[in-house]
Structure formats: C-alpha cells, structure tokens
Amino acid sequence: MVSSIDLSTRLTATRLALKAIKEQEDNSATQSSSTRAALLGSYGLDSSSSTNTRLTQLLAQYGQTSDEDTQTDGTDTQPSSGDITKADFMKGLKEMLEALSKDPDKASQANAMLEALKTGTLTVSDPSEGAQIKAWDVASDTKATSKPSTQITMTGWSDFLKEHLKRDGSAYMKGASGAYVDTISGDNAFFGSVGSRYYYLTWPQAKDGSLTV
C-alpha cells in the first residue's frame, strides 16, 4: 500500500510536472508525447497512460482535500512570508507540522520533525531562493525575528530533488525508518509545503537504536 506521505510527494511531483507540461504546451502546440514522457520522467514519474490517468485523478482529489484543509473556522491567521529566515515562516512551519501530526498516516514523521525543530536539528532548504537554514522554535526563542541563512546553489525543484533524494528505479527510496533519505547528508528527508510554497526538510537519522521516521 502506498503511504500517505509517499502519495503526497508523488502528487506534488505530478503537480510540478503537469505545470511544466502546460507551460511547454502554451509555447508549442505541436509538443509530442515523447516530450511529455521525458518531462514526467524528469520528475520521477512513470509515463504510462494508466499510471498517469490514476495520478491525475488522485491529483484532483488531493486538490479538493487541500482546499478543504485551507479553510478556517473563522480564526484570523497571518500567512507566512515564505522567507525561511523570518520568524513568521518558522511559526507557519511548526503549525504545518502540528497539523500533520494529527494525521495517523503522517504522525510519526511529523513528530520526529517537531522534535528536531525543538532541538535545533531540523534543516530547511529552499533551492528556488538558494537558501538553507536551521529551523528554530519560535515558542522557545521569542526574541528572534530573523536569523541568517546559508547560501546553497539556486536551482529548480526537479534538479534539486533528483540530486538529493535517493531513488530505486523511478521511485524515491526510503530508509529503514520509513522516511526518504537525503543522498548527500544521509539524513531523513521530507518534501512539502508551508503556505503556497515548497520546501525541503532534513533531520538526523536515529541513533542508539531509537526510531526516527
């Protein structure tokens, strides 16, 4: 059975791939099926028609779920600026992880990332801005409004994920803990969104027999 987080990651990749295909089609009315297959392949997706028909259906369902998730109960919320160096982003990040922790399928990884957030071992990367930072808990560090980031290579998400996430054929590989694995650091990895933008999160593998997923 495909896990909820695995499905979310595949749907996110599908979103990006479909967006890229649409942009290609907007620029060229004669785009071939081989070009579409190449684009899907670059996002780690099977280009077979049956697979992509199902993914398209799931994408539509996921979009409806996302719309429902973004509805509020009337409480005013301040959207994240999207700047990973700012405290408002860290607040939004923590809220996103707390929301994930309420989902039984995602609770283990969400709780592991929340613990890493508290201990200062959760790293946030935004290759679209060429920035990386150690996340901090705004509840514990109330005076910090921003912190400096580390510069990383600015690149698109497709290239970044192909470089960082281990693969087994066309699928992303998971470690013994059940989390994705960052090829470069060996850390656990998670690809998701805070607000309307995507970010890449990593945290250390478990040590001394403890479980981190």
Protein backbone atom coordinates (compact mmCIF):
# COMPACT_ATOMS: atom_id res chain seq x y z
CA MET A 1 0.00 0.00 0.00
CA VAL A 2 1.29 3.46 -0.85
CA SER A 3 1.71 5.62 2.26
CA SER A 4 0.01 8.99 2.55
CA ILE A 5 3.34 10.82 2.61
CA ASP A 6 4.62 8.87 -0.40
CA LEU A 7 1.40 9.71 -2.26
CA SER A 8 1.66 13.36 -1.24
CA THR A 9 5.21 13.53 -2.58
CA ARG A 10 4.22 11.83 -5.86
CA LEU A 11 1.24 14.16 -6.24
CA THR A 12 3.45 17.18 -5.60
CA ALA A 13 5.84 15.94 -8.27
CA THR A 14 2.87 15.37 -10.58
CA ARG A 15 1.68 18.92 -9.96
CA LEU A 16 5.07 20.30 -10.93
CA ALA A 17 5.30 18.03 -13.97
CA LEU A 18 1.82 18.94 -15.20
CA LYS A 19 2.65 22.61 -14.72
CA ALA A 20 5.81 22.17 -16.77
CA ILE A 21 3.87 20.33 -19.49
CA LYS A 22 1.25 23.08 -19.60
CA GLU A 23 3.96 25.72 -19.94
CA GLN A 24 5.52 23.71 -22.75
CA GLU A 25 2.16 23.36 -24.49
CA ASP A 26 1.45 27.07 -24.13
CA ASN A 27 4.68 27.71 -26.00
CA SER A 28 4.26 24.97 -28.58
CA ALA A 29 1.06 23.50 -29.95
CA THR A 30 2.95 20.58 -31.53
CA GLN A 31 4.50 19.08 -28.41
CA SER A 32 4.98 15.31 -28.87
CA SER A 33 4.08 12.53 -26.43
CA SER A 34 7.79 11.74 -26.11
CA THR A 35 8.39 15.24 -24.76
CA ARG A 36 5.64 14.75 -22.19
CA ALA A 37 7.14 11.39 -21.20
CA ALA A 38 10.56 12.99 -20.81
CA LEU A 39 9.13 15.72 -18.57
CA LEU A 40 7.30 13.20 -16.41
CA GLY A 41 10.41 11.06 -16.20
CA SER A 42 12.44 14.05 -15.01
CA TYR A 43 10.09 14.25 -12.01
CA GLY A 44 10.48 10.56 -11.21
CA LEU A 45 7.07 9.59 -12.58
CA ASP A 46 6.04 6.63 -14.68
CA SER A 47 4.96 7.92 -18.09
CA SER A 48 2.48 5.09 -18.80
CA SER A 49 -1.02 6.28 -19.62
CA SER A 50 -2.70 4.12 -16.97
CA THR A 51 -0.41 5.36 -14.23
CA ASN A 52 -0.81 9.00 -15.16
CA THR A 53 -4.58 8.69 -15.55
CA ARG A 54 -4.72 7.45 -11.96
CA LEU A 55 -2.30 10.14 -10.77
CA THR A 56 -4.39 12.81 -12.47
CA GLN A 57 -7.49 11.52 -10.66
CA LEU A 58 -5.64 11.48 -7.35
CA LEU A 59 -4.27 14.95 -8.03
CA ALA A 60 -7.81 16.27 -8.44
CA GLN A 61 -8.83 14.60 -5.18
CA TYR A 62 -5.74 15.95 -3.46
CA GLY A 63 -6.55 19.44 -4.69
CA GLN A 64 -10.05 19.20 -3.20
CA THR A 65 -8.60 17.98 0.09
CA SER A 66 -6.06 20.79 0.11
CA ASP A 67 -8.81 23.33 -0.46
CA GLU A 68 -10.72 21.88 2.49
CA ASP A 69 -7.59 21.92 4.66
CA THR A 70 -7.01 25.62 3.95
CA GLN A 71 -10.49 26.62 5.14
CA THR A 72 -10.54 28.15 8.61
CA ASP A 73 -13.06 28.22 11.41
CA GLY A 74 -13.16 32.00 11.39
CA THR A 75 -9.92 32.46 13.29
CA ASP A 76 -7.61 35.04 11.73
CA THR A 77 -4.25 33.60 10.67
CA GLN A 78 -1.25 35.50 9.37
CA PRO A 79 0.17 33.85 6.24
CA SER A 80 3.86 33.02 6.14
CA SER A 81 6.06 35.43 4.20
CA GLY A 82 7.80 32.46 2.57
CA ASP A 83 11.17 33.82 3.70
CA ILE A 84 12.85 30.99 5.62
CA THR A 85 14.95 33.46 7.62
CA LYS A 86 11.87 35.03 9.25
CA ALA A 87 10.11 34.06 12.47
CA ASP A 88 6.71 34.08 10.77
CA PHE A 89 7.90 31.31 8.45
CA MET A 90 9.07 29.24 11.42
CA LYS A 91 5.67 29.75 13.05
CA GLY A 92 3.96 28.56 9.87
CA LEU A 93 6.34 25.59 9.65
CA LYS A 94 5.53 24.50 13.19
CA GLU A 95 1.80 24.86 12.55
CA MET A 96 2.11 22.74 9.42
CA LEU A 97 3.97 20.00 11.32
CA GLU A 98 1.47 20.09 14.17
CA ALA A 99 -1.35 19.68 11.65
CA LEU A 100 0.45 16.71 10.06
CA SER A 101 0.90 15.12 13.49
CA LYS A 102 -2.89 14.79 13.77
CA ASP A 103 -2.98 12.55 10.70
CA PRO A 104 -2.32 8.93 11.76
CA ASP A 105 -0.51 8.21 8.48
CA LYS A 106 1.84 11.18 8.90
CA ALA A 107 2.14 11.47 12.67
CA SER A 108 5.44 9.59 13.06
CA GLN A 109 7.41 11.77 10.67
CA ALA A 110 5.66 14.95 11.82
CA ASN A 111 6.52 14.25 15.46
CA ALA A 112 10.11 13.44 14.52
CA MET A 113 10.39 16.76 12.68
CA LEU A 114 8.78 18.63 15.61
CA GLU A 115 11.34 17.09 17.94
CA ALA A 116 14.14 18.09 15.55
CA LEU A 117 12.68 21.60 15.47
CA LYS A 118 12.88 21.80 19.27
CA THR A 119 16.47 20.51 19.35
CA GLY A 120 17.66 22.73 16.50
CA THR A 121 18.45 19.84 14.16
CA LEU A 122 15.75 20.44 11.52
CA THR A 123 17.16 21.96 8.34
CA VAL A 124 15.02 23.85 5.83
CA SER A 125 16.21 24.23 2.23
CA ASP A 126 14.72 26.46 -0.45
CA PRO A 127 16.70 25.92 -3.67
CA SER A 128 14.43 28.31 -5.57
CA GLU A 129 15.91 31.08 -3.42
CA GLY A 130 19.32 29.47 -2.93
CA ALA A 131 18.93 29.44 0.85
CA GLN A 132 19.19 26.96 3.72
CA ILE A 133 18.71 27.43 7.47
CA LYS A 134 18.47 25.56 10.77
CA ALA A 135 14.87 25.89 11.86
CA TRP A 136 14.09 27.24 15.32
CA ASP A 137 11.08 27.02 17.62
CA VAL A 138 9.52 30.49 17.90
CA ALA A 139 7.83 29.45 21.15
CA SER A 140 11.25 28.92 22.77
CA ASP A 141 13.08 31.78 21.06
CA THR A 142 10.56 34.60 21.20
CA LYS A 143 13.03 37.44 20.68
CA ALA A 144 14.37 36.31 17.30
CA THR A 145 12.54 37.90 14.38
CA SER A 146 15.01 36.55 11.82
CA LYS A 147 18.23 34.57 11.55
CA PRO A 148 20.88 34.35 8.81
CA SER A 149 20.65 31.62 6.21
CA THR A 150 23.38 29.70 4.43
CA GLN A 151 23.70 30.08 0.68
CA ILE A 152 23.18 26.99 -1.45
CA THR A 153 23.07 26.53 -5.21
CA MET A 154 19.97 28.12 -6.71
CA THR A 155 18.20 25.54 -8.86
CA GLY A 156 14.79 24.22 -9.84
CA TRP A 157 12.95 21.65 -7.75
CA SER A 158 13.30 18.89 -10.34
CA ASP A 159 17.10 19.09 -10.38
CA PHE A 160 17.29 19.56 -6.62
CA LEU A 161 15.18 16.50 -5.81
CA LYS A 162 17.00 14.35 -8.37
CA GLU A 163 20.27 15.33 -6.71
CA HIS A 164 19.14 14.93 -3.10
CA LEU A 165 16.59 12.10 -2.88
CA LYS A 166 17.80 8.54 -3.26
CA ARG A 167 15.99 6.56 -5.92
CA ASP A 168 15.19 2.94 -6.62
CA GLY A 169 14.50 2.98 -10.33
CA SER A 170 11.84 5.61 -10.97
CA ALA A 171 10.65 5.75 -7.33
CA TYR A 172 12.10 7.59 -4.38
CA MET A 173 13.81 5.24 -1.95
CA LYS A 174 13.04 5.08 1.77
CA GLY A 175 15.36 4.15 4.58
CA ALA A 176 14.75 1.61 7.36
CA SER A 177 12.86 4.27 9.33
CA GLY A 178 10.33 4.73 6.54
CA ALA A 179 11.46 8.26 5.71
CA TYR A 180 13.04 9.39 2.47
CA VAL A 181 16.82 9.63 2.54
CA ASP A 182 18.93 12.60 1.54
CA THR A 183 21.69 11.30 -0.72
CA ILE A 184 24.23 13.94 0.29
CA SER A 185 23.89 14.01 4.10
CA GLY A 186 22.27 10.62 4.75
CA ASP A 187 19.62 12.39 6.87
CA ASN A 188 15.89 11.75 6.81
CA ALA A 189 14.14 13.93 4.23
CA PHE A 190 10.69 15.40 3.66
CA PHE A 191 9.38 17.46 0.73
CA GLY A 192 6.27 19.51 1.41
CA SER A 193 4.71 22.93 1.51
CA VAL A 194 4.35 25.74 4.02
CA GLY A 195 1.64 28.02 2.77
CA SER A 196 1.77 28.10 -1.01
CA ARG A 197 5.48 27.31 -1.44
CA TYR A 198 7.50 24.11 -1.33
CA TYR A 199 10.42 23.40 0.99
CA TYR A 200 12.81 20.53 1.66
CA LEU A 201 13.29 19.43 5.27
CA THR A 202 16.00 17.17 6.66
CA TRP A 203 16.73 15.86 10.15
CA PRO A 204 19.26 13.35 11.56
CA GLN A 205 18.81 9.61 11.39
CA ALA A 206 18.06 7.87 14.69
CA LYS A 207 20.98 6.71 16.82
CA ASP A 208 21.45 4.09 19.52
CA GLY A 209 18.51 2.02 18.37
CA SER A 210 15.95 4.82 18.71
CA LEU A 211 13.39 5.23 15.93
CA THR A 212 13.10 8.39 13.89
CA VAL A 213 10.69 8.34 10.96
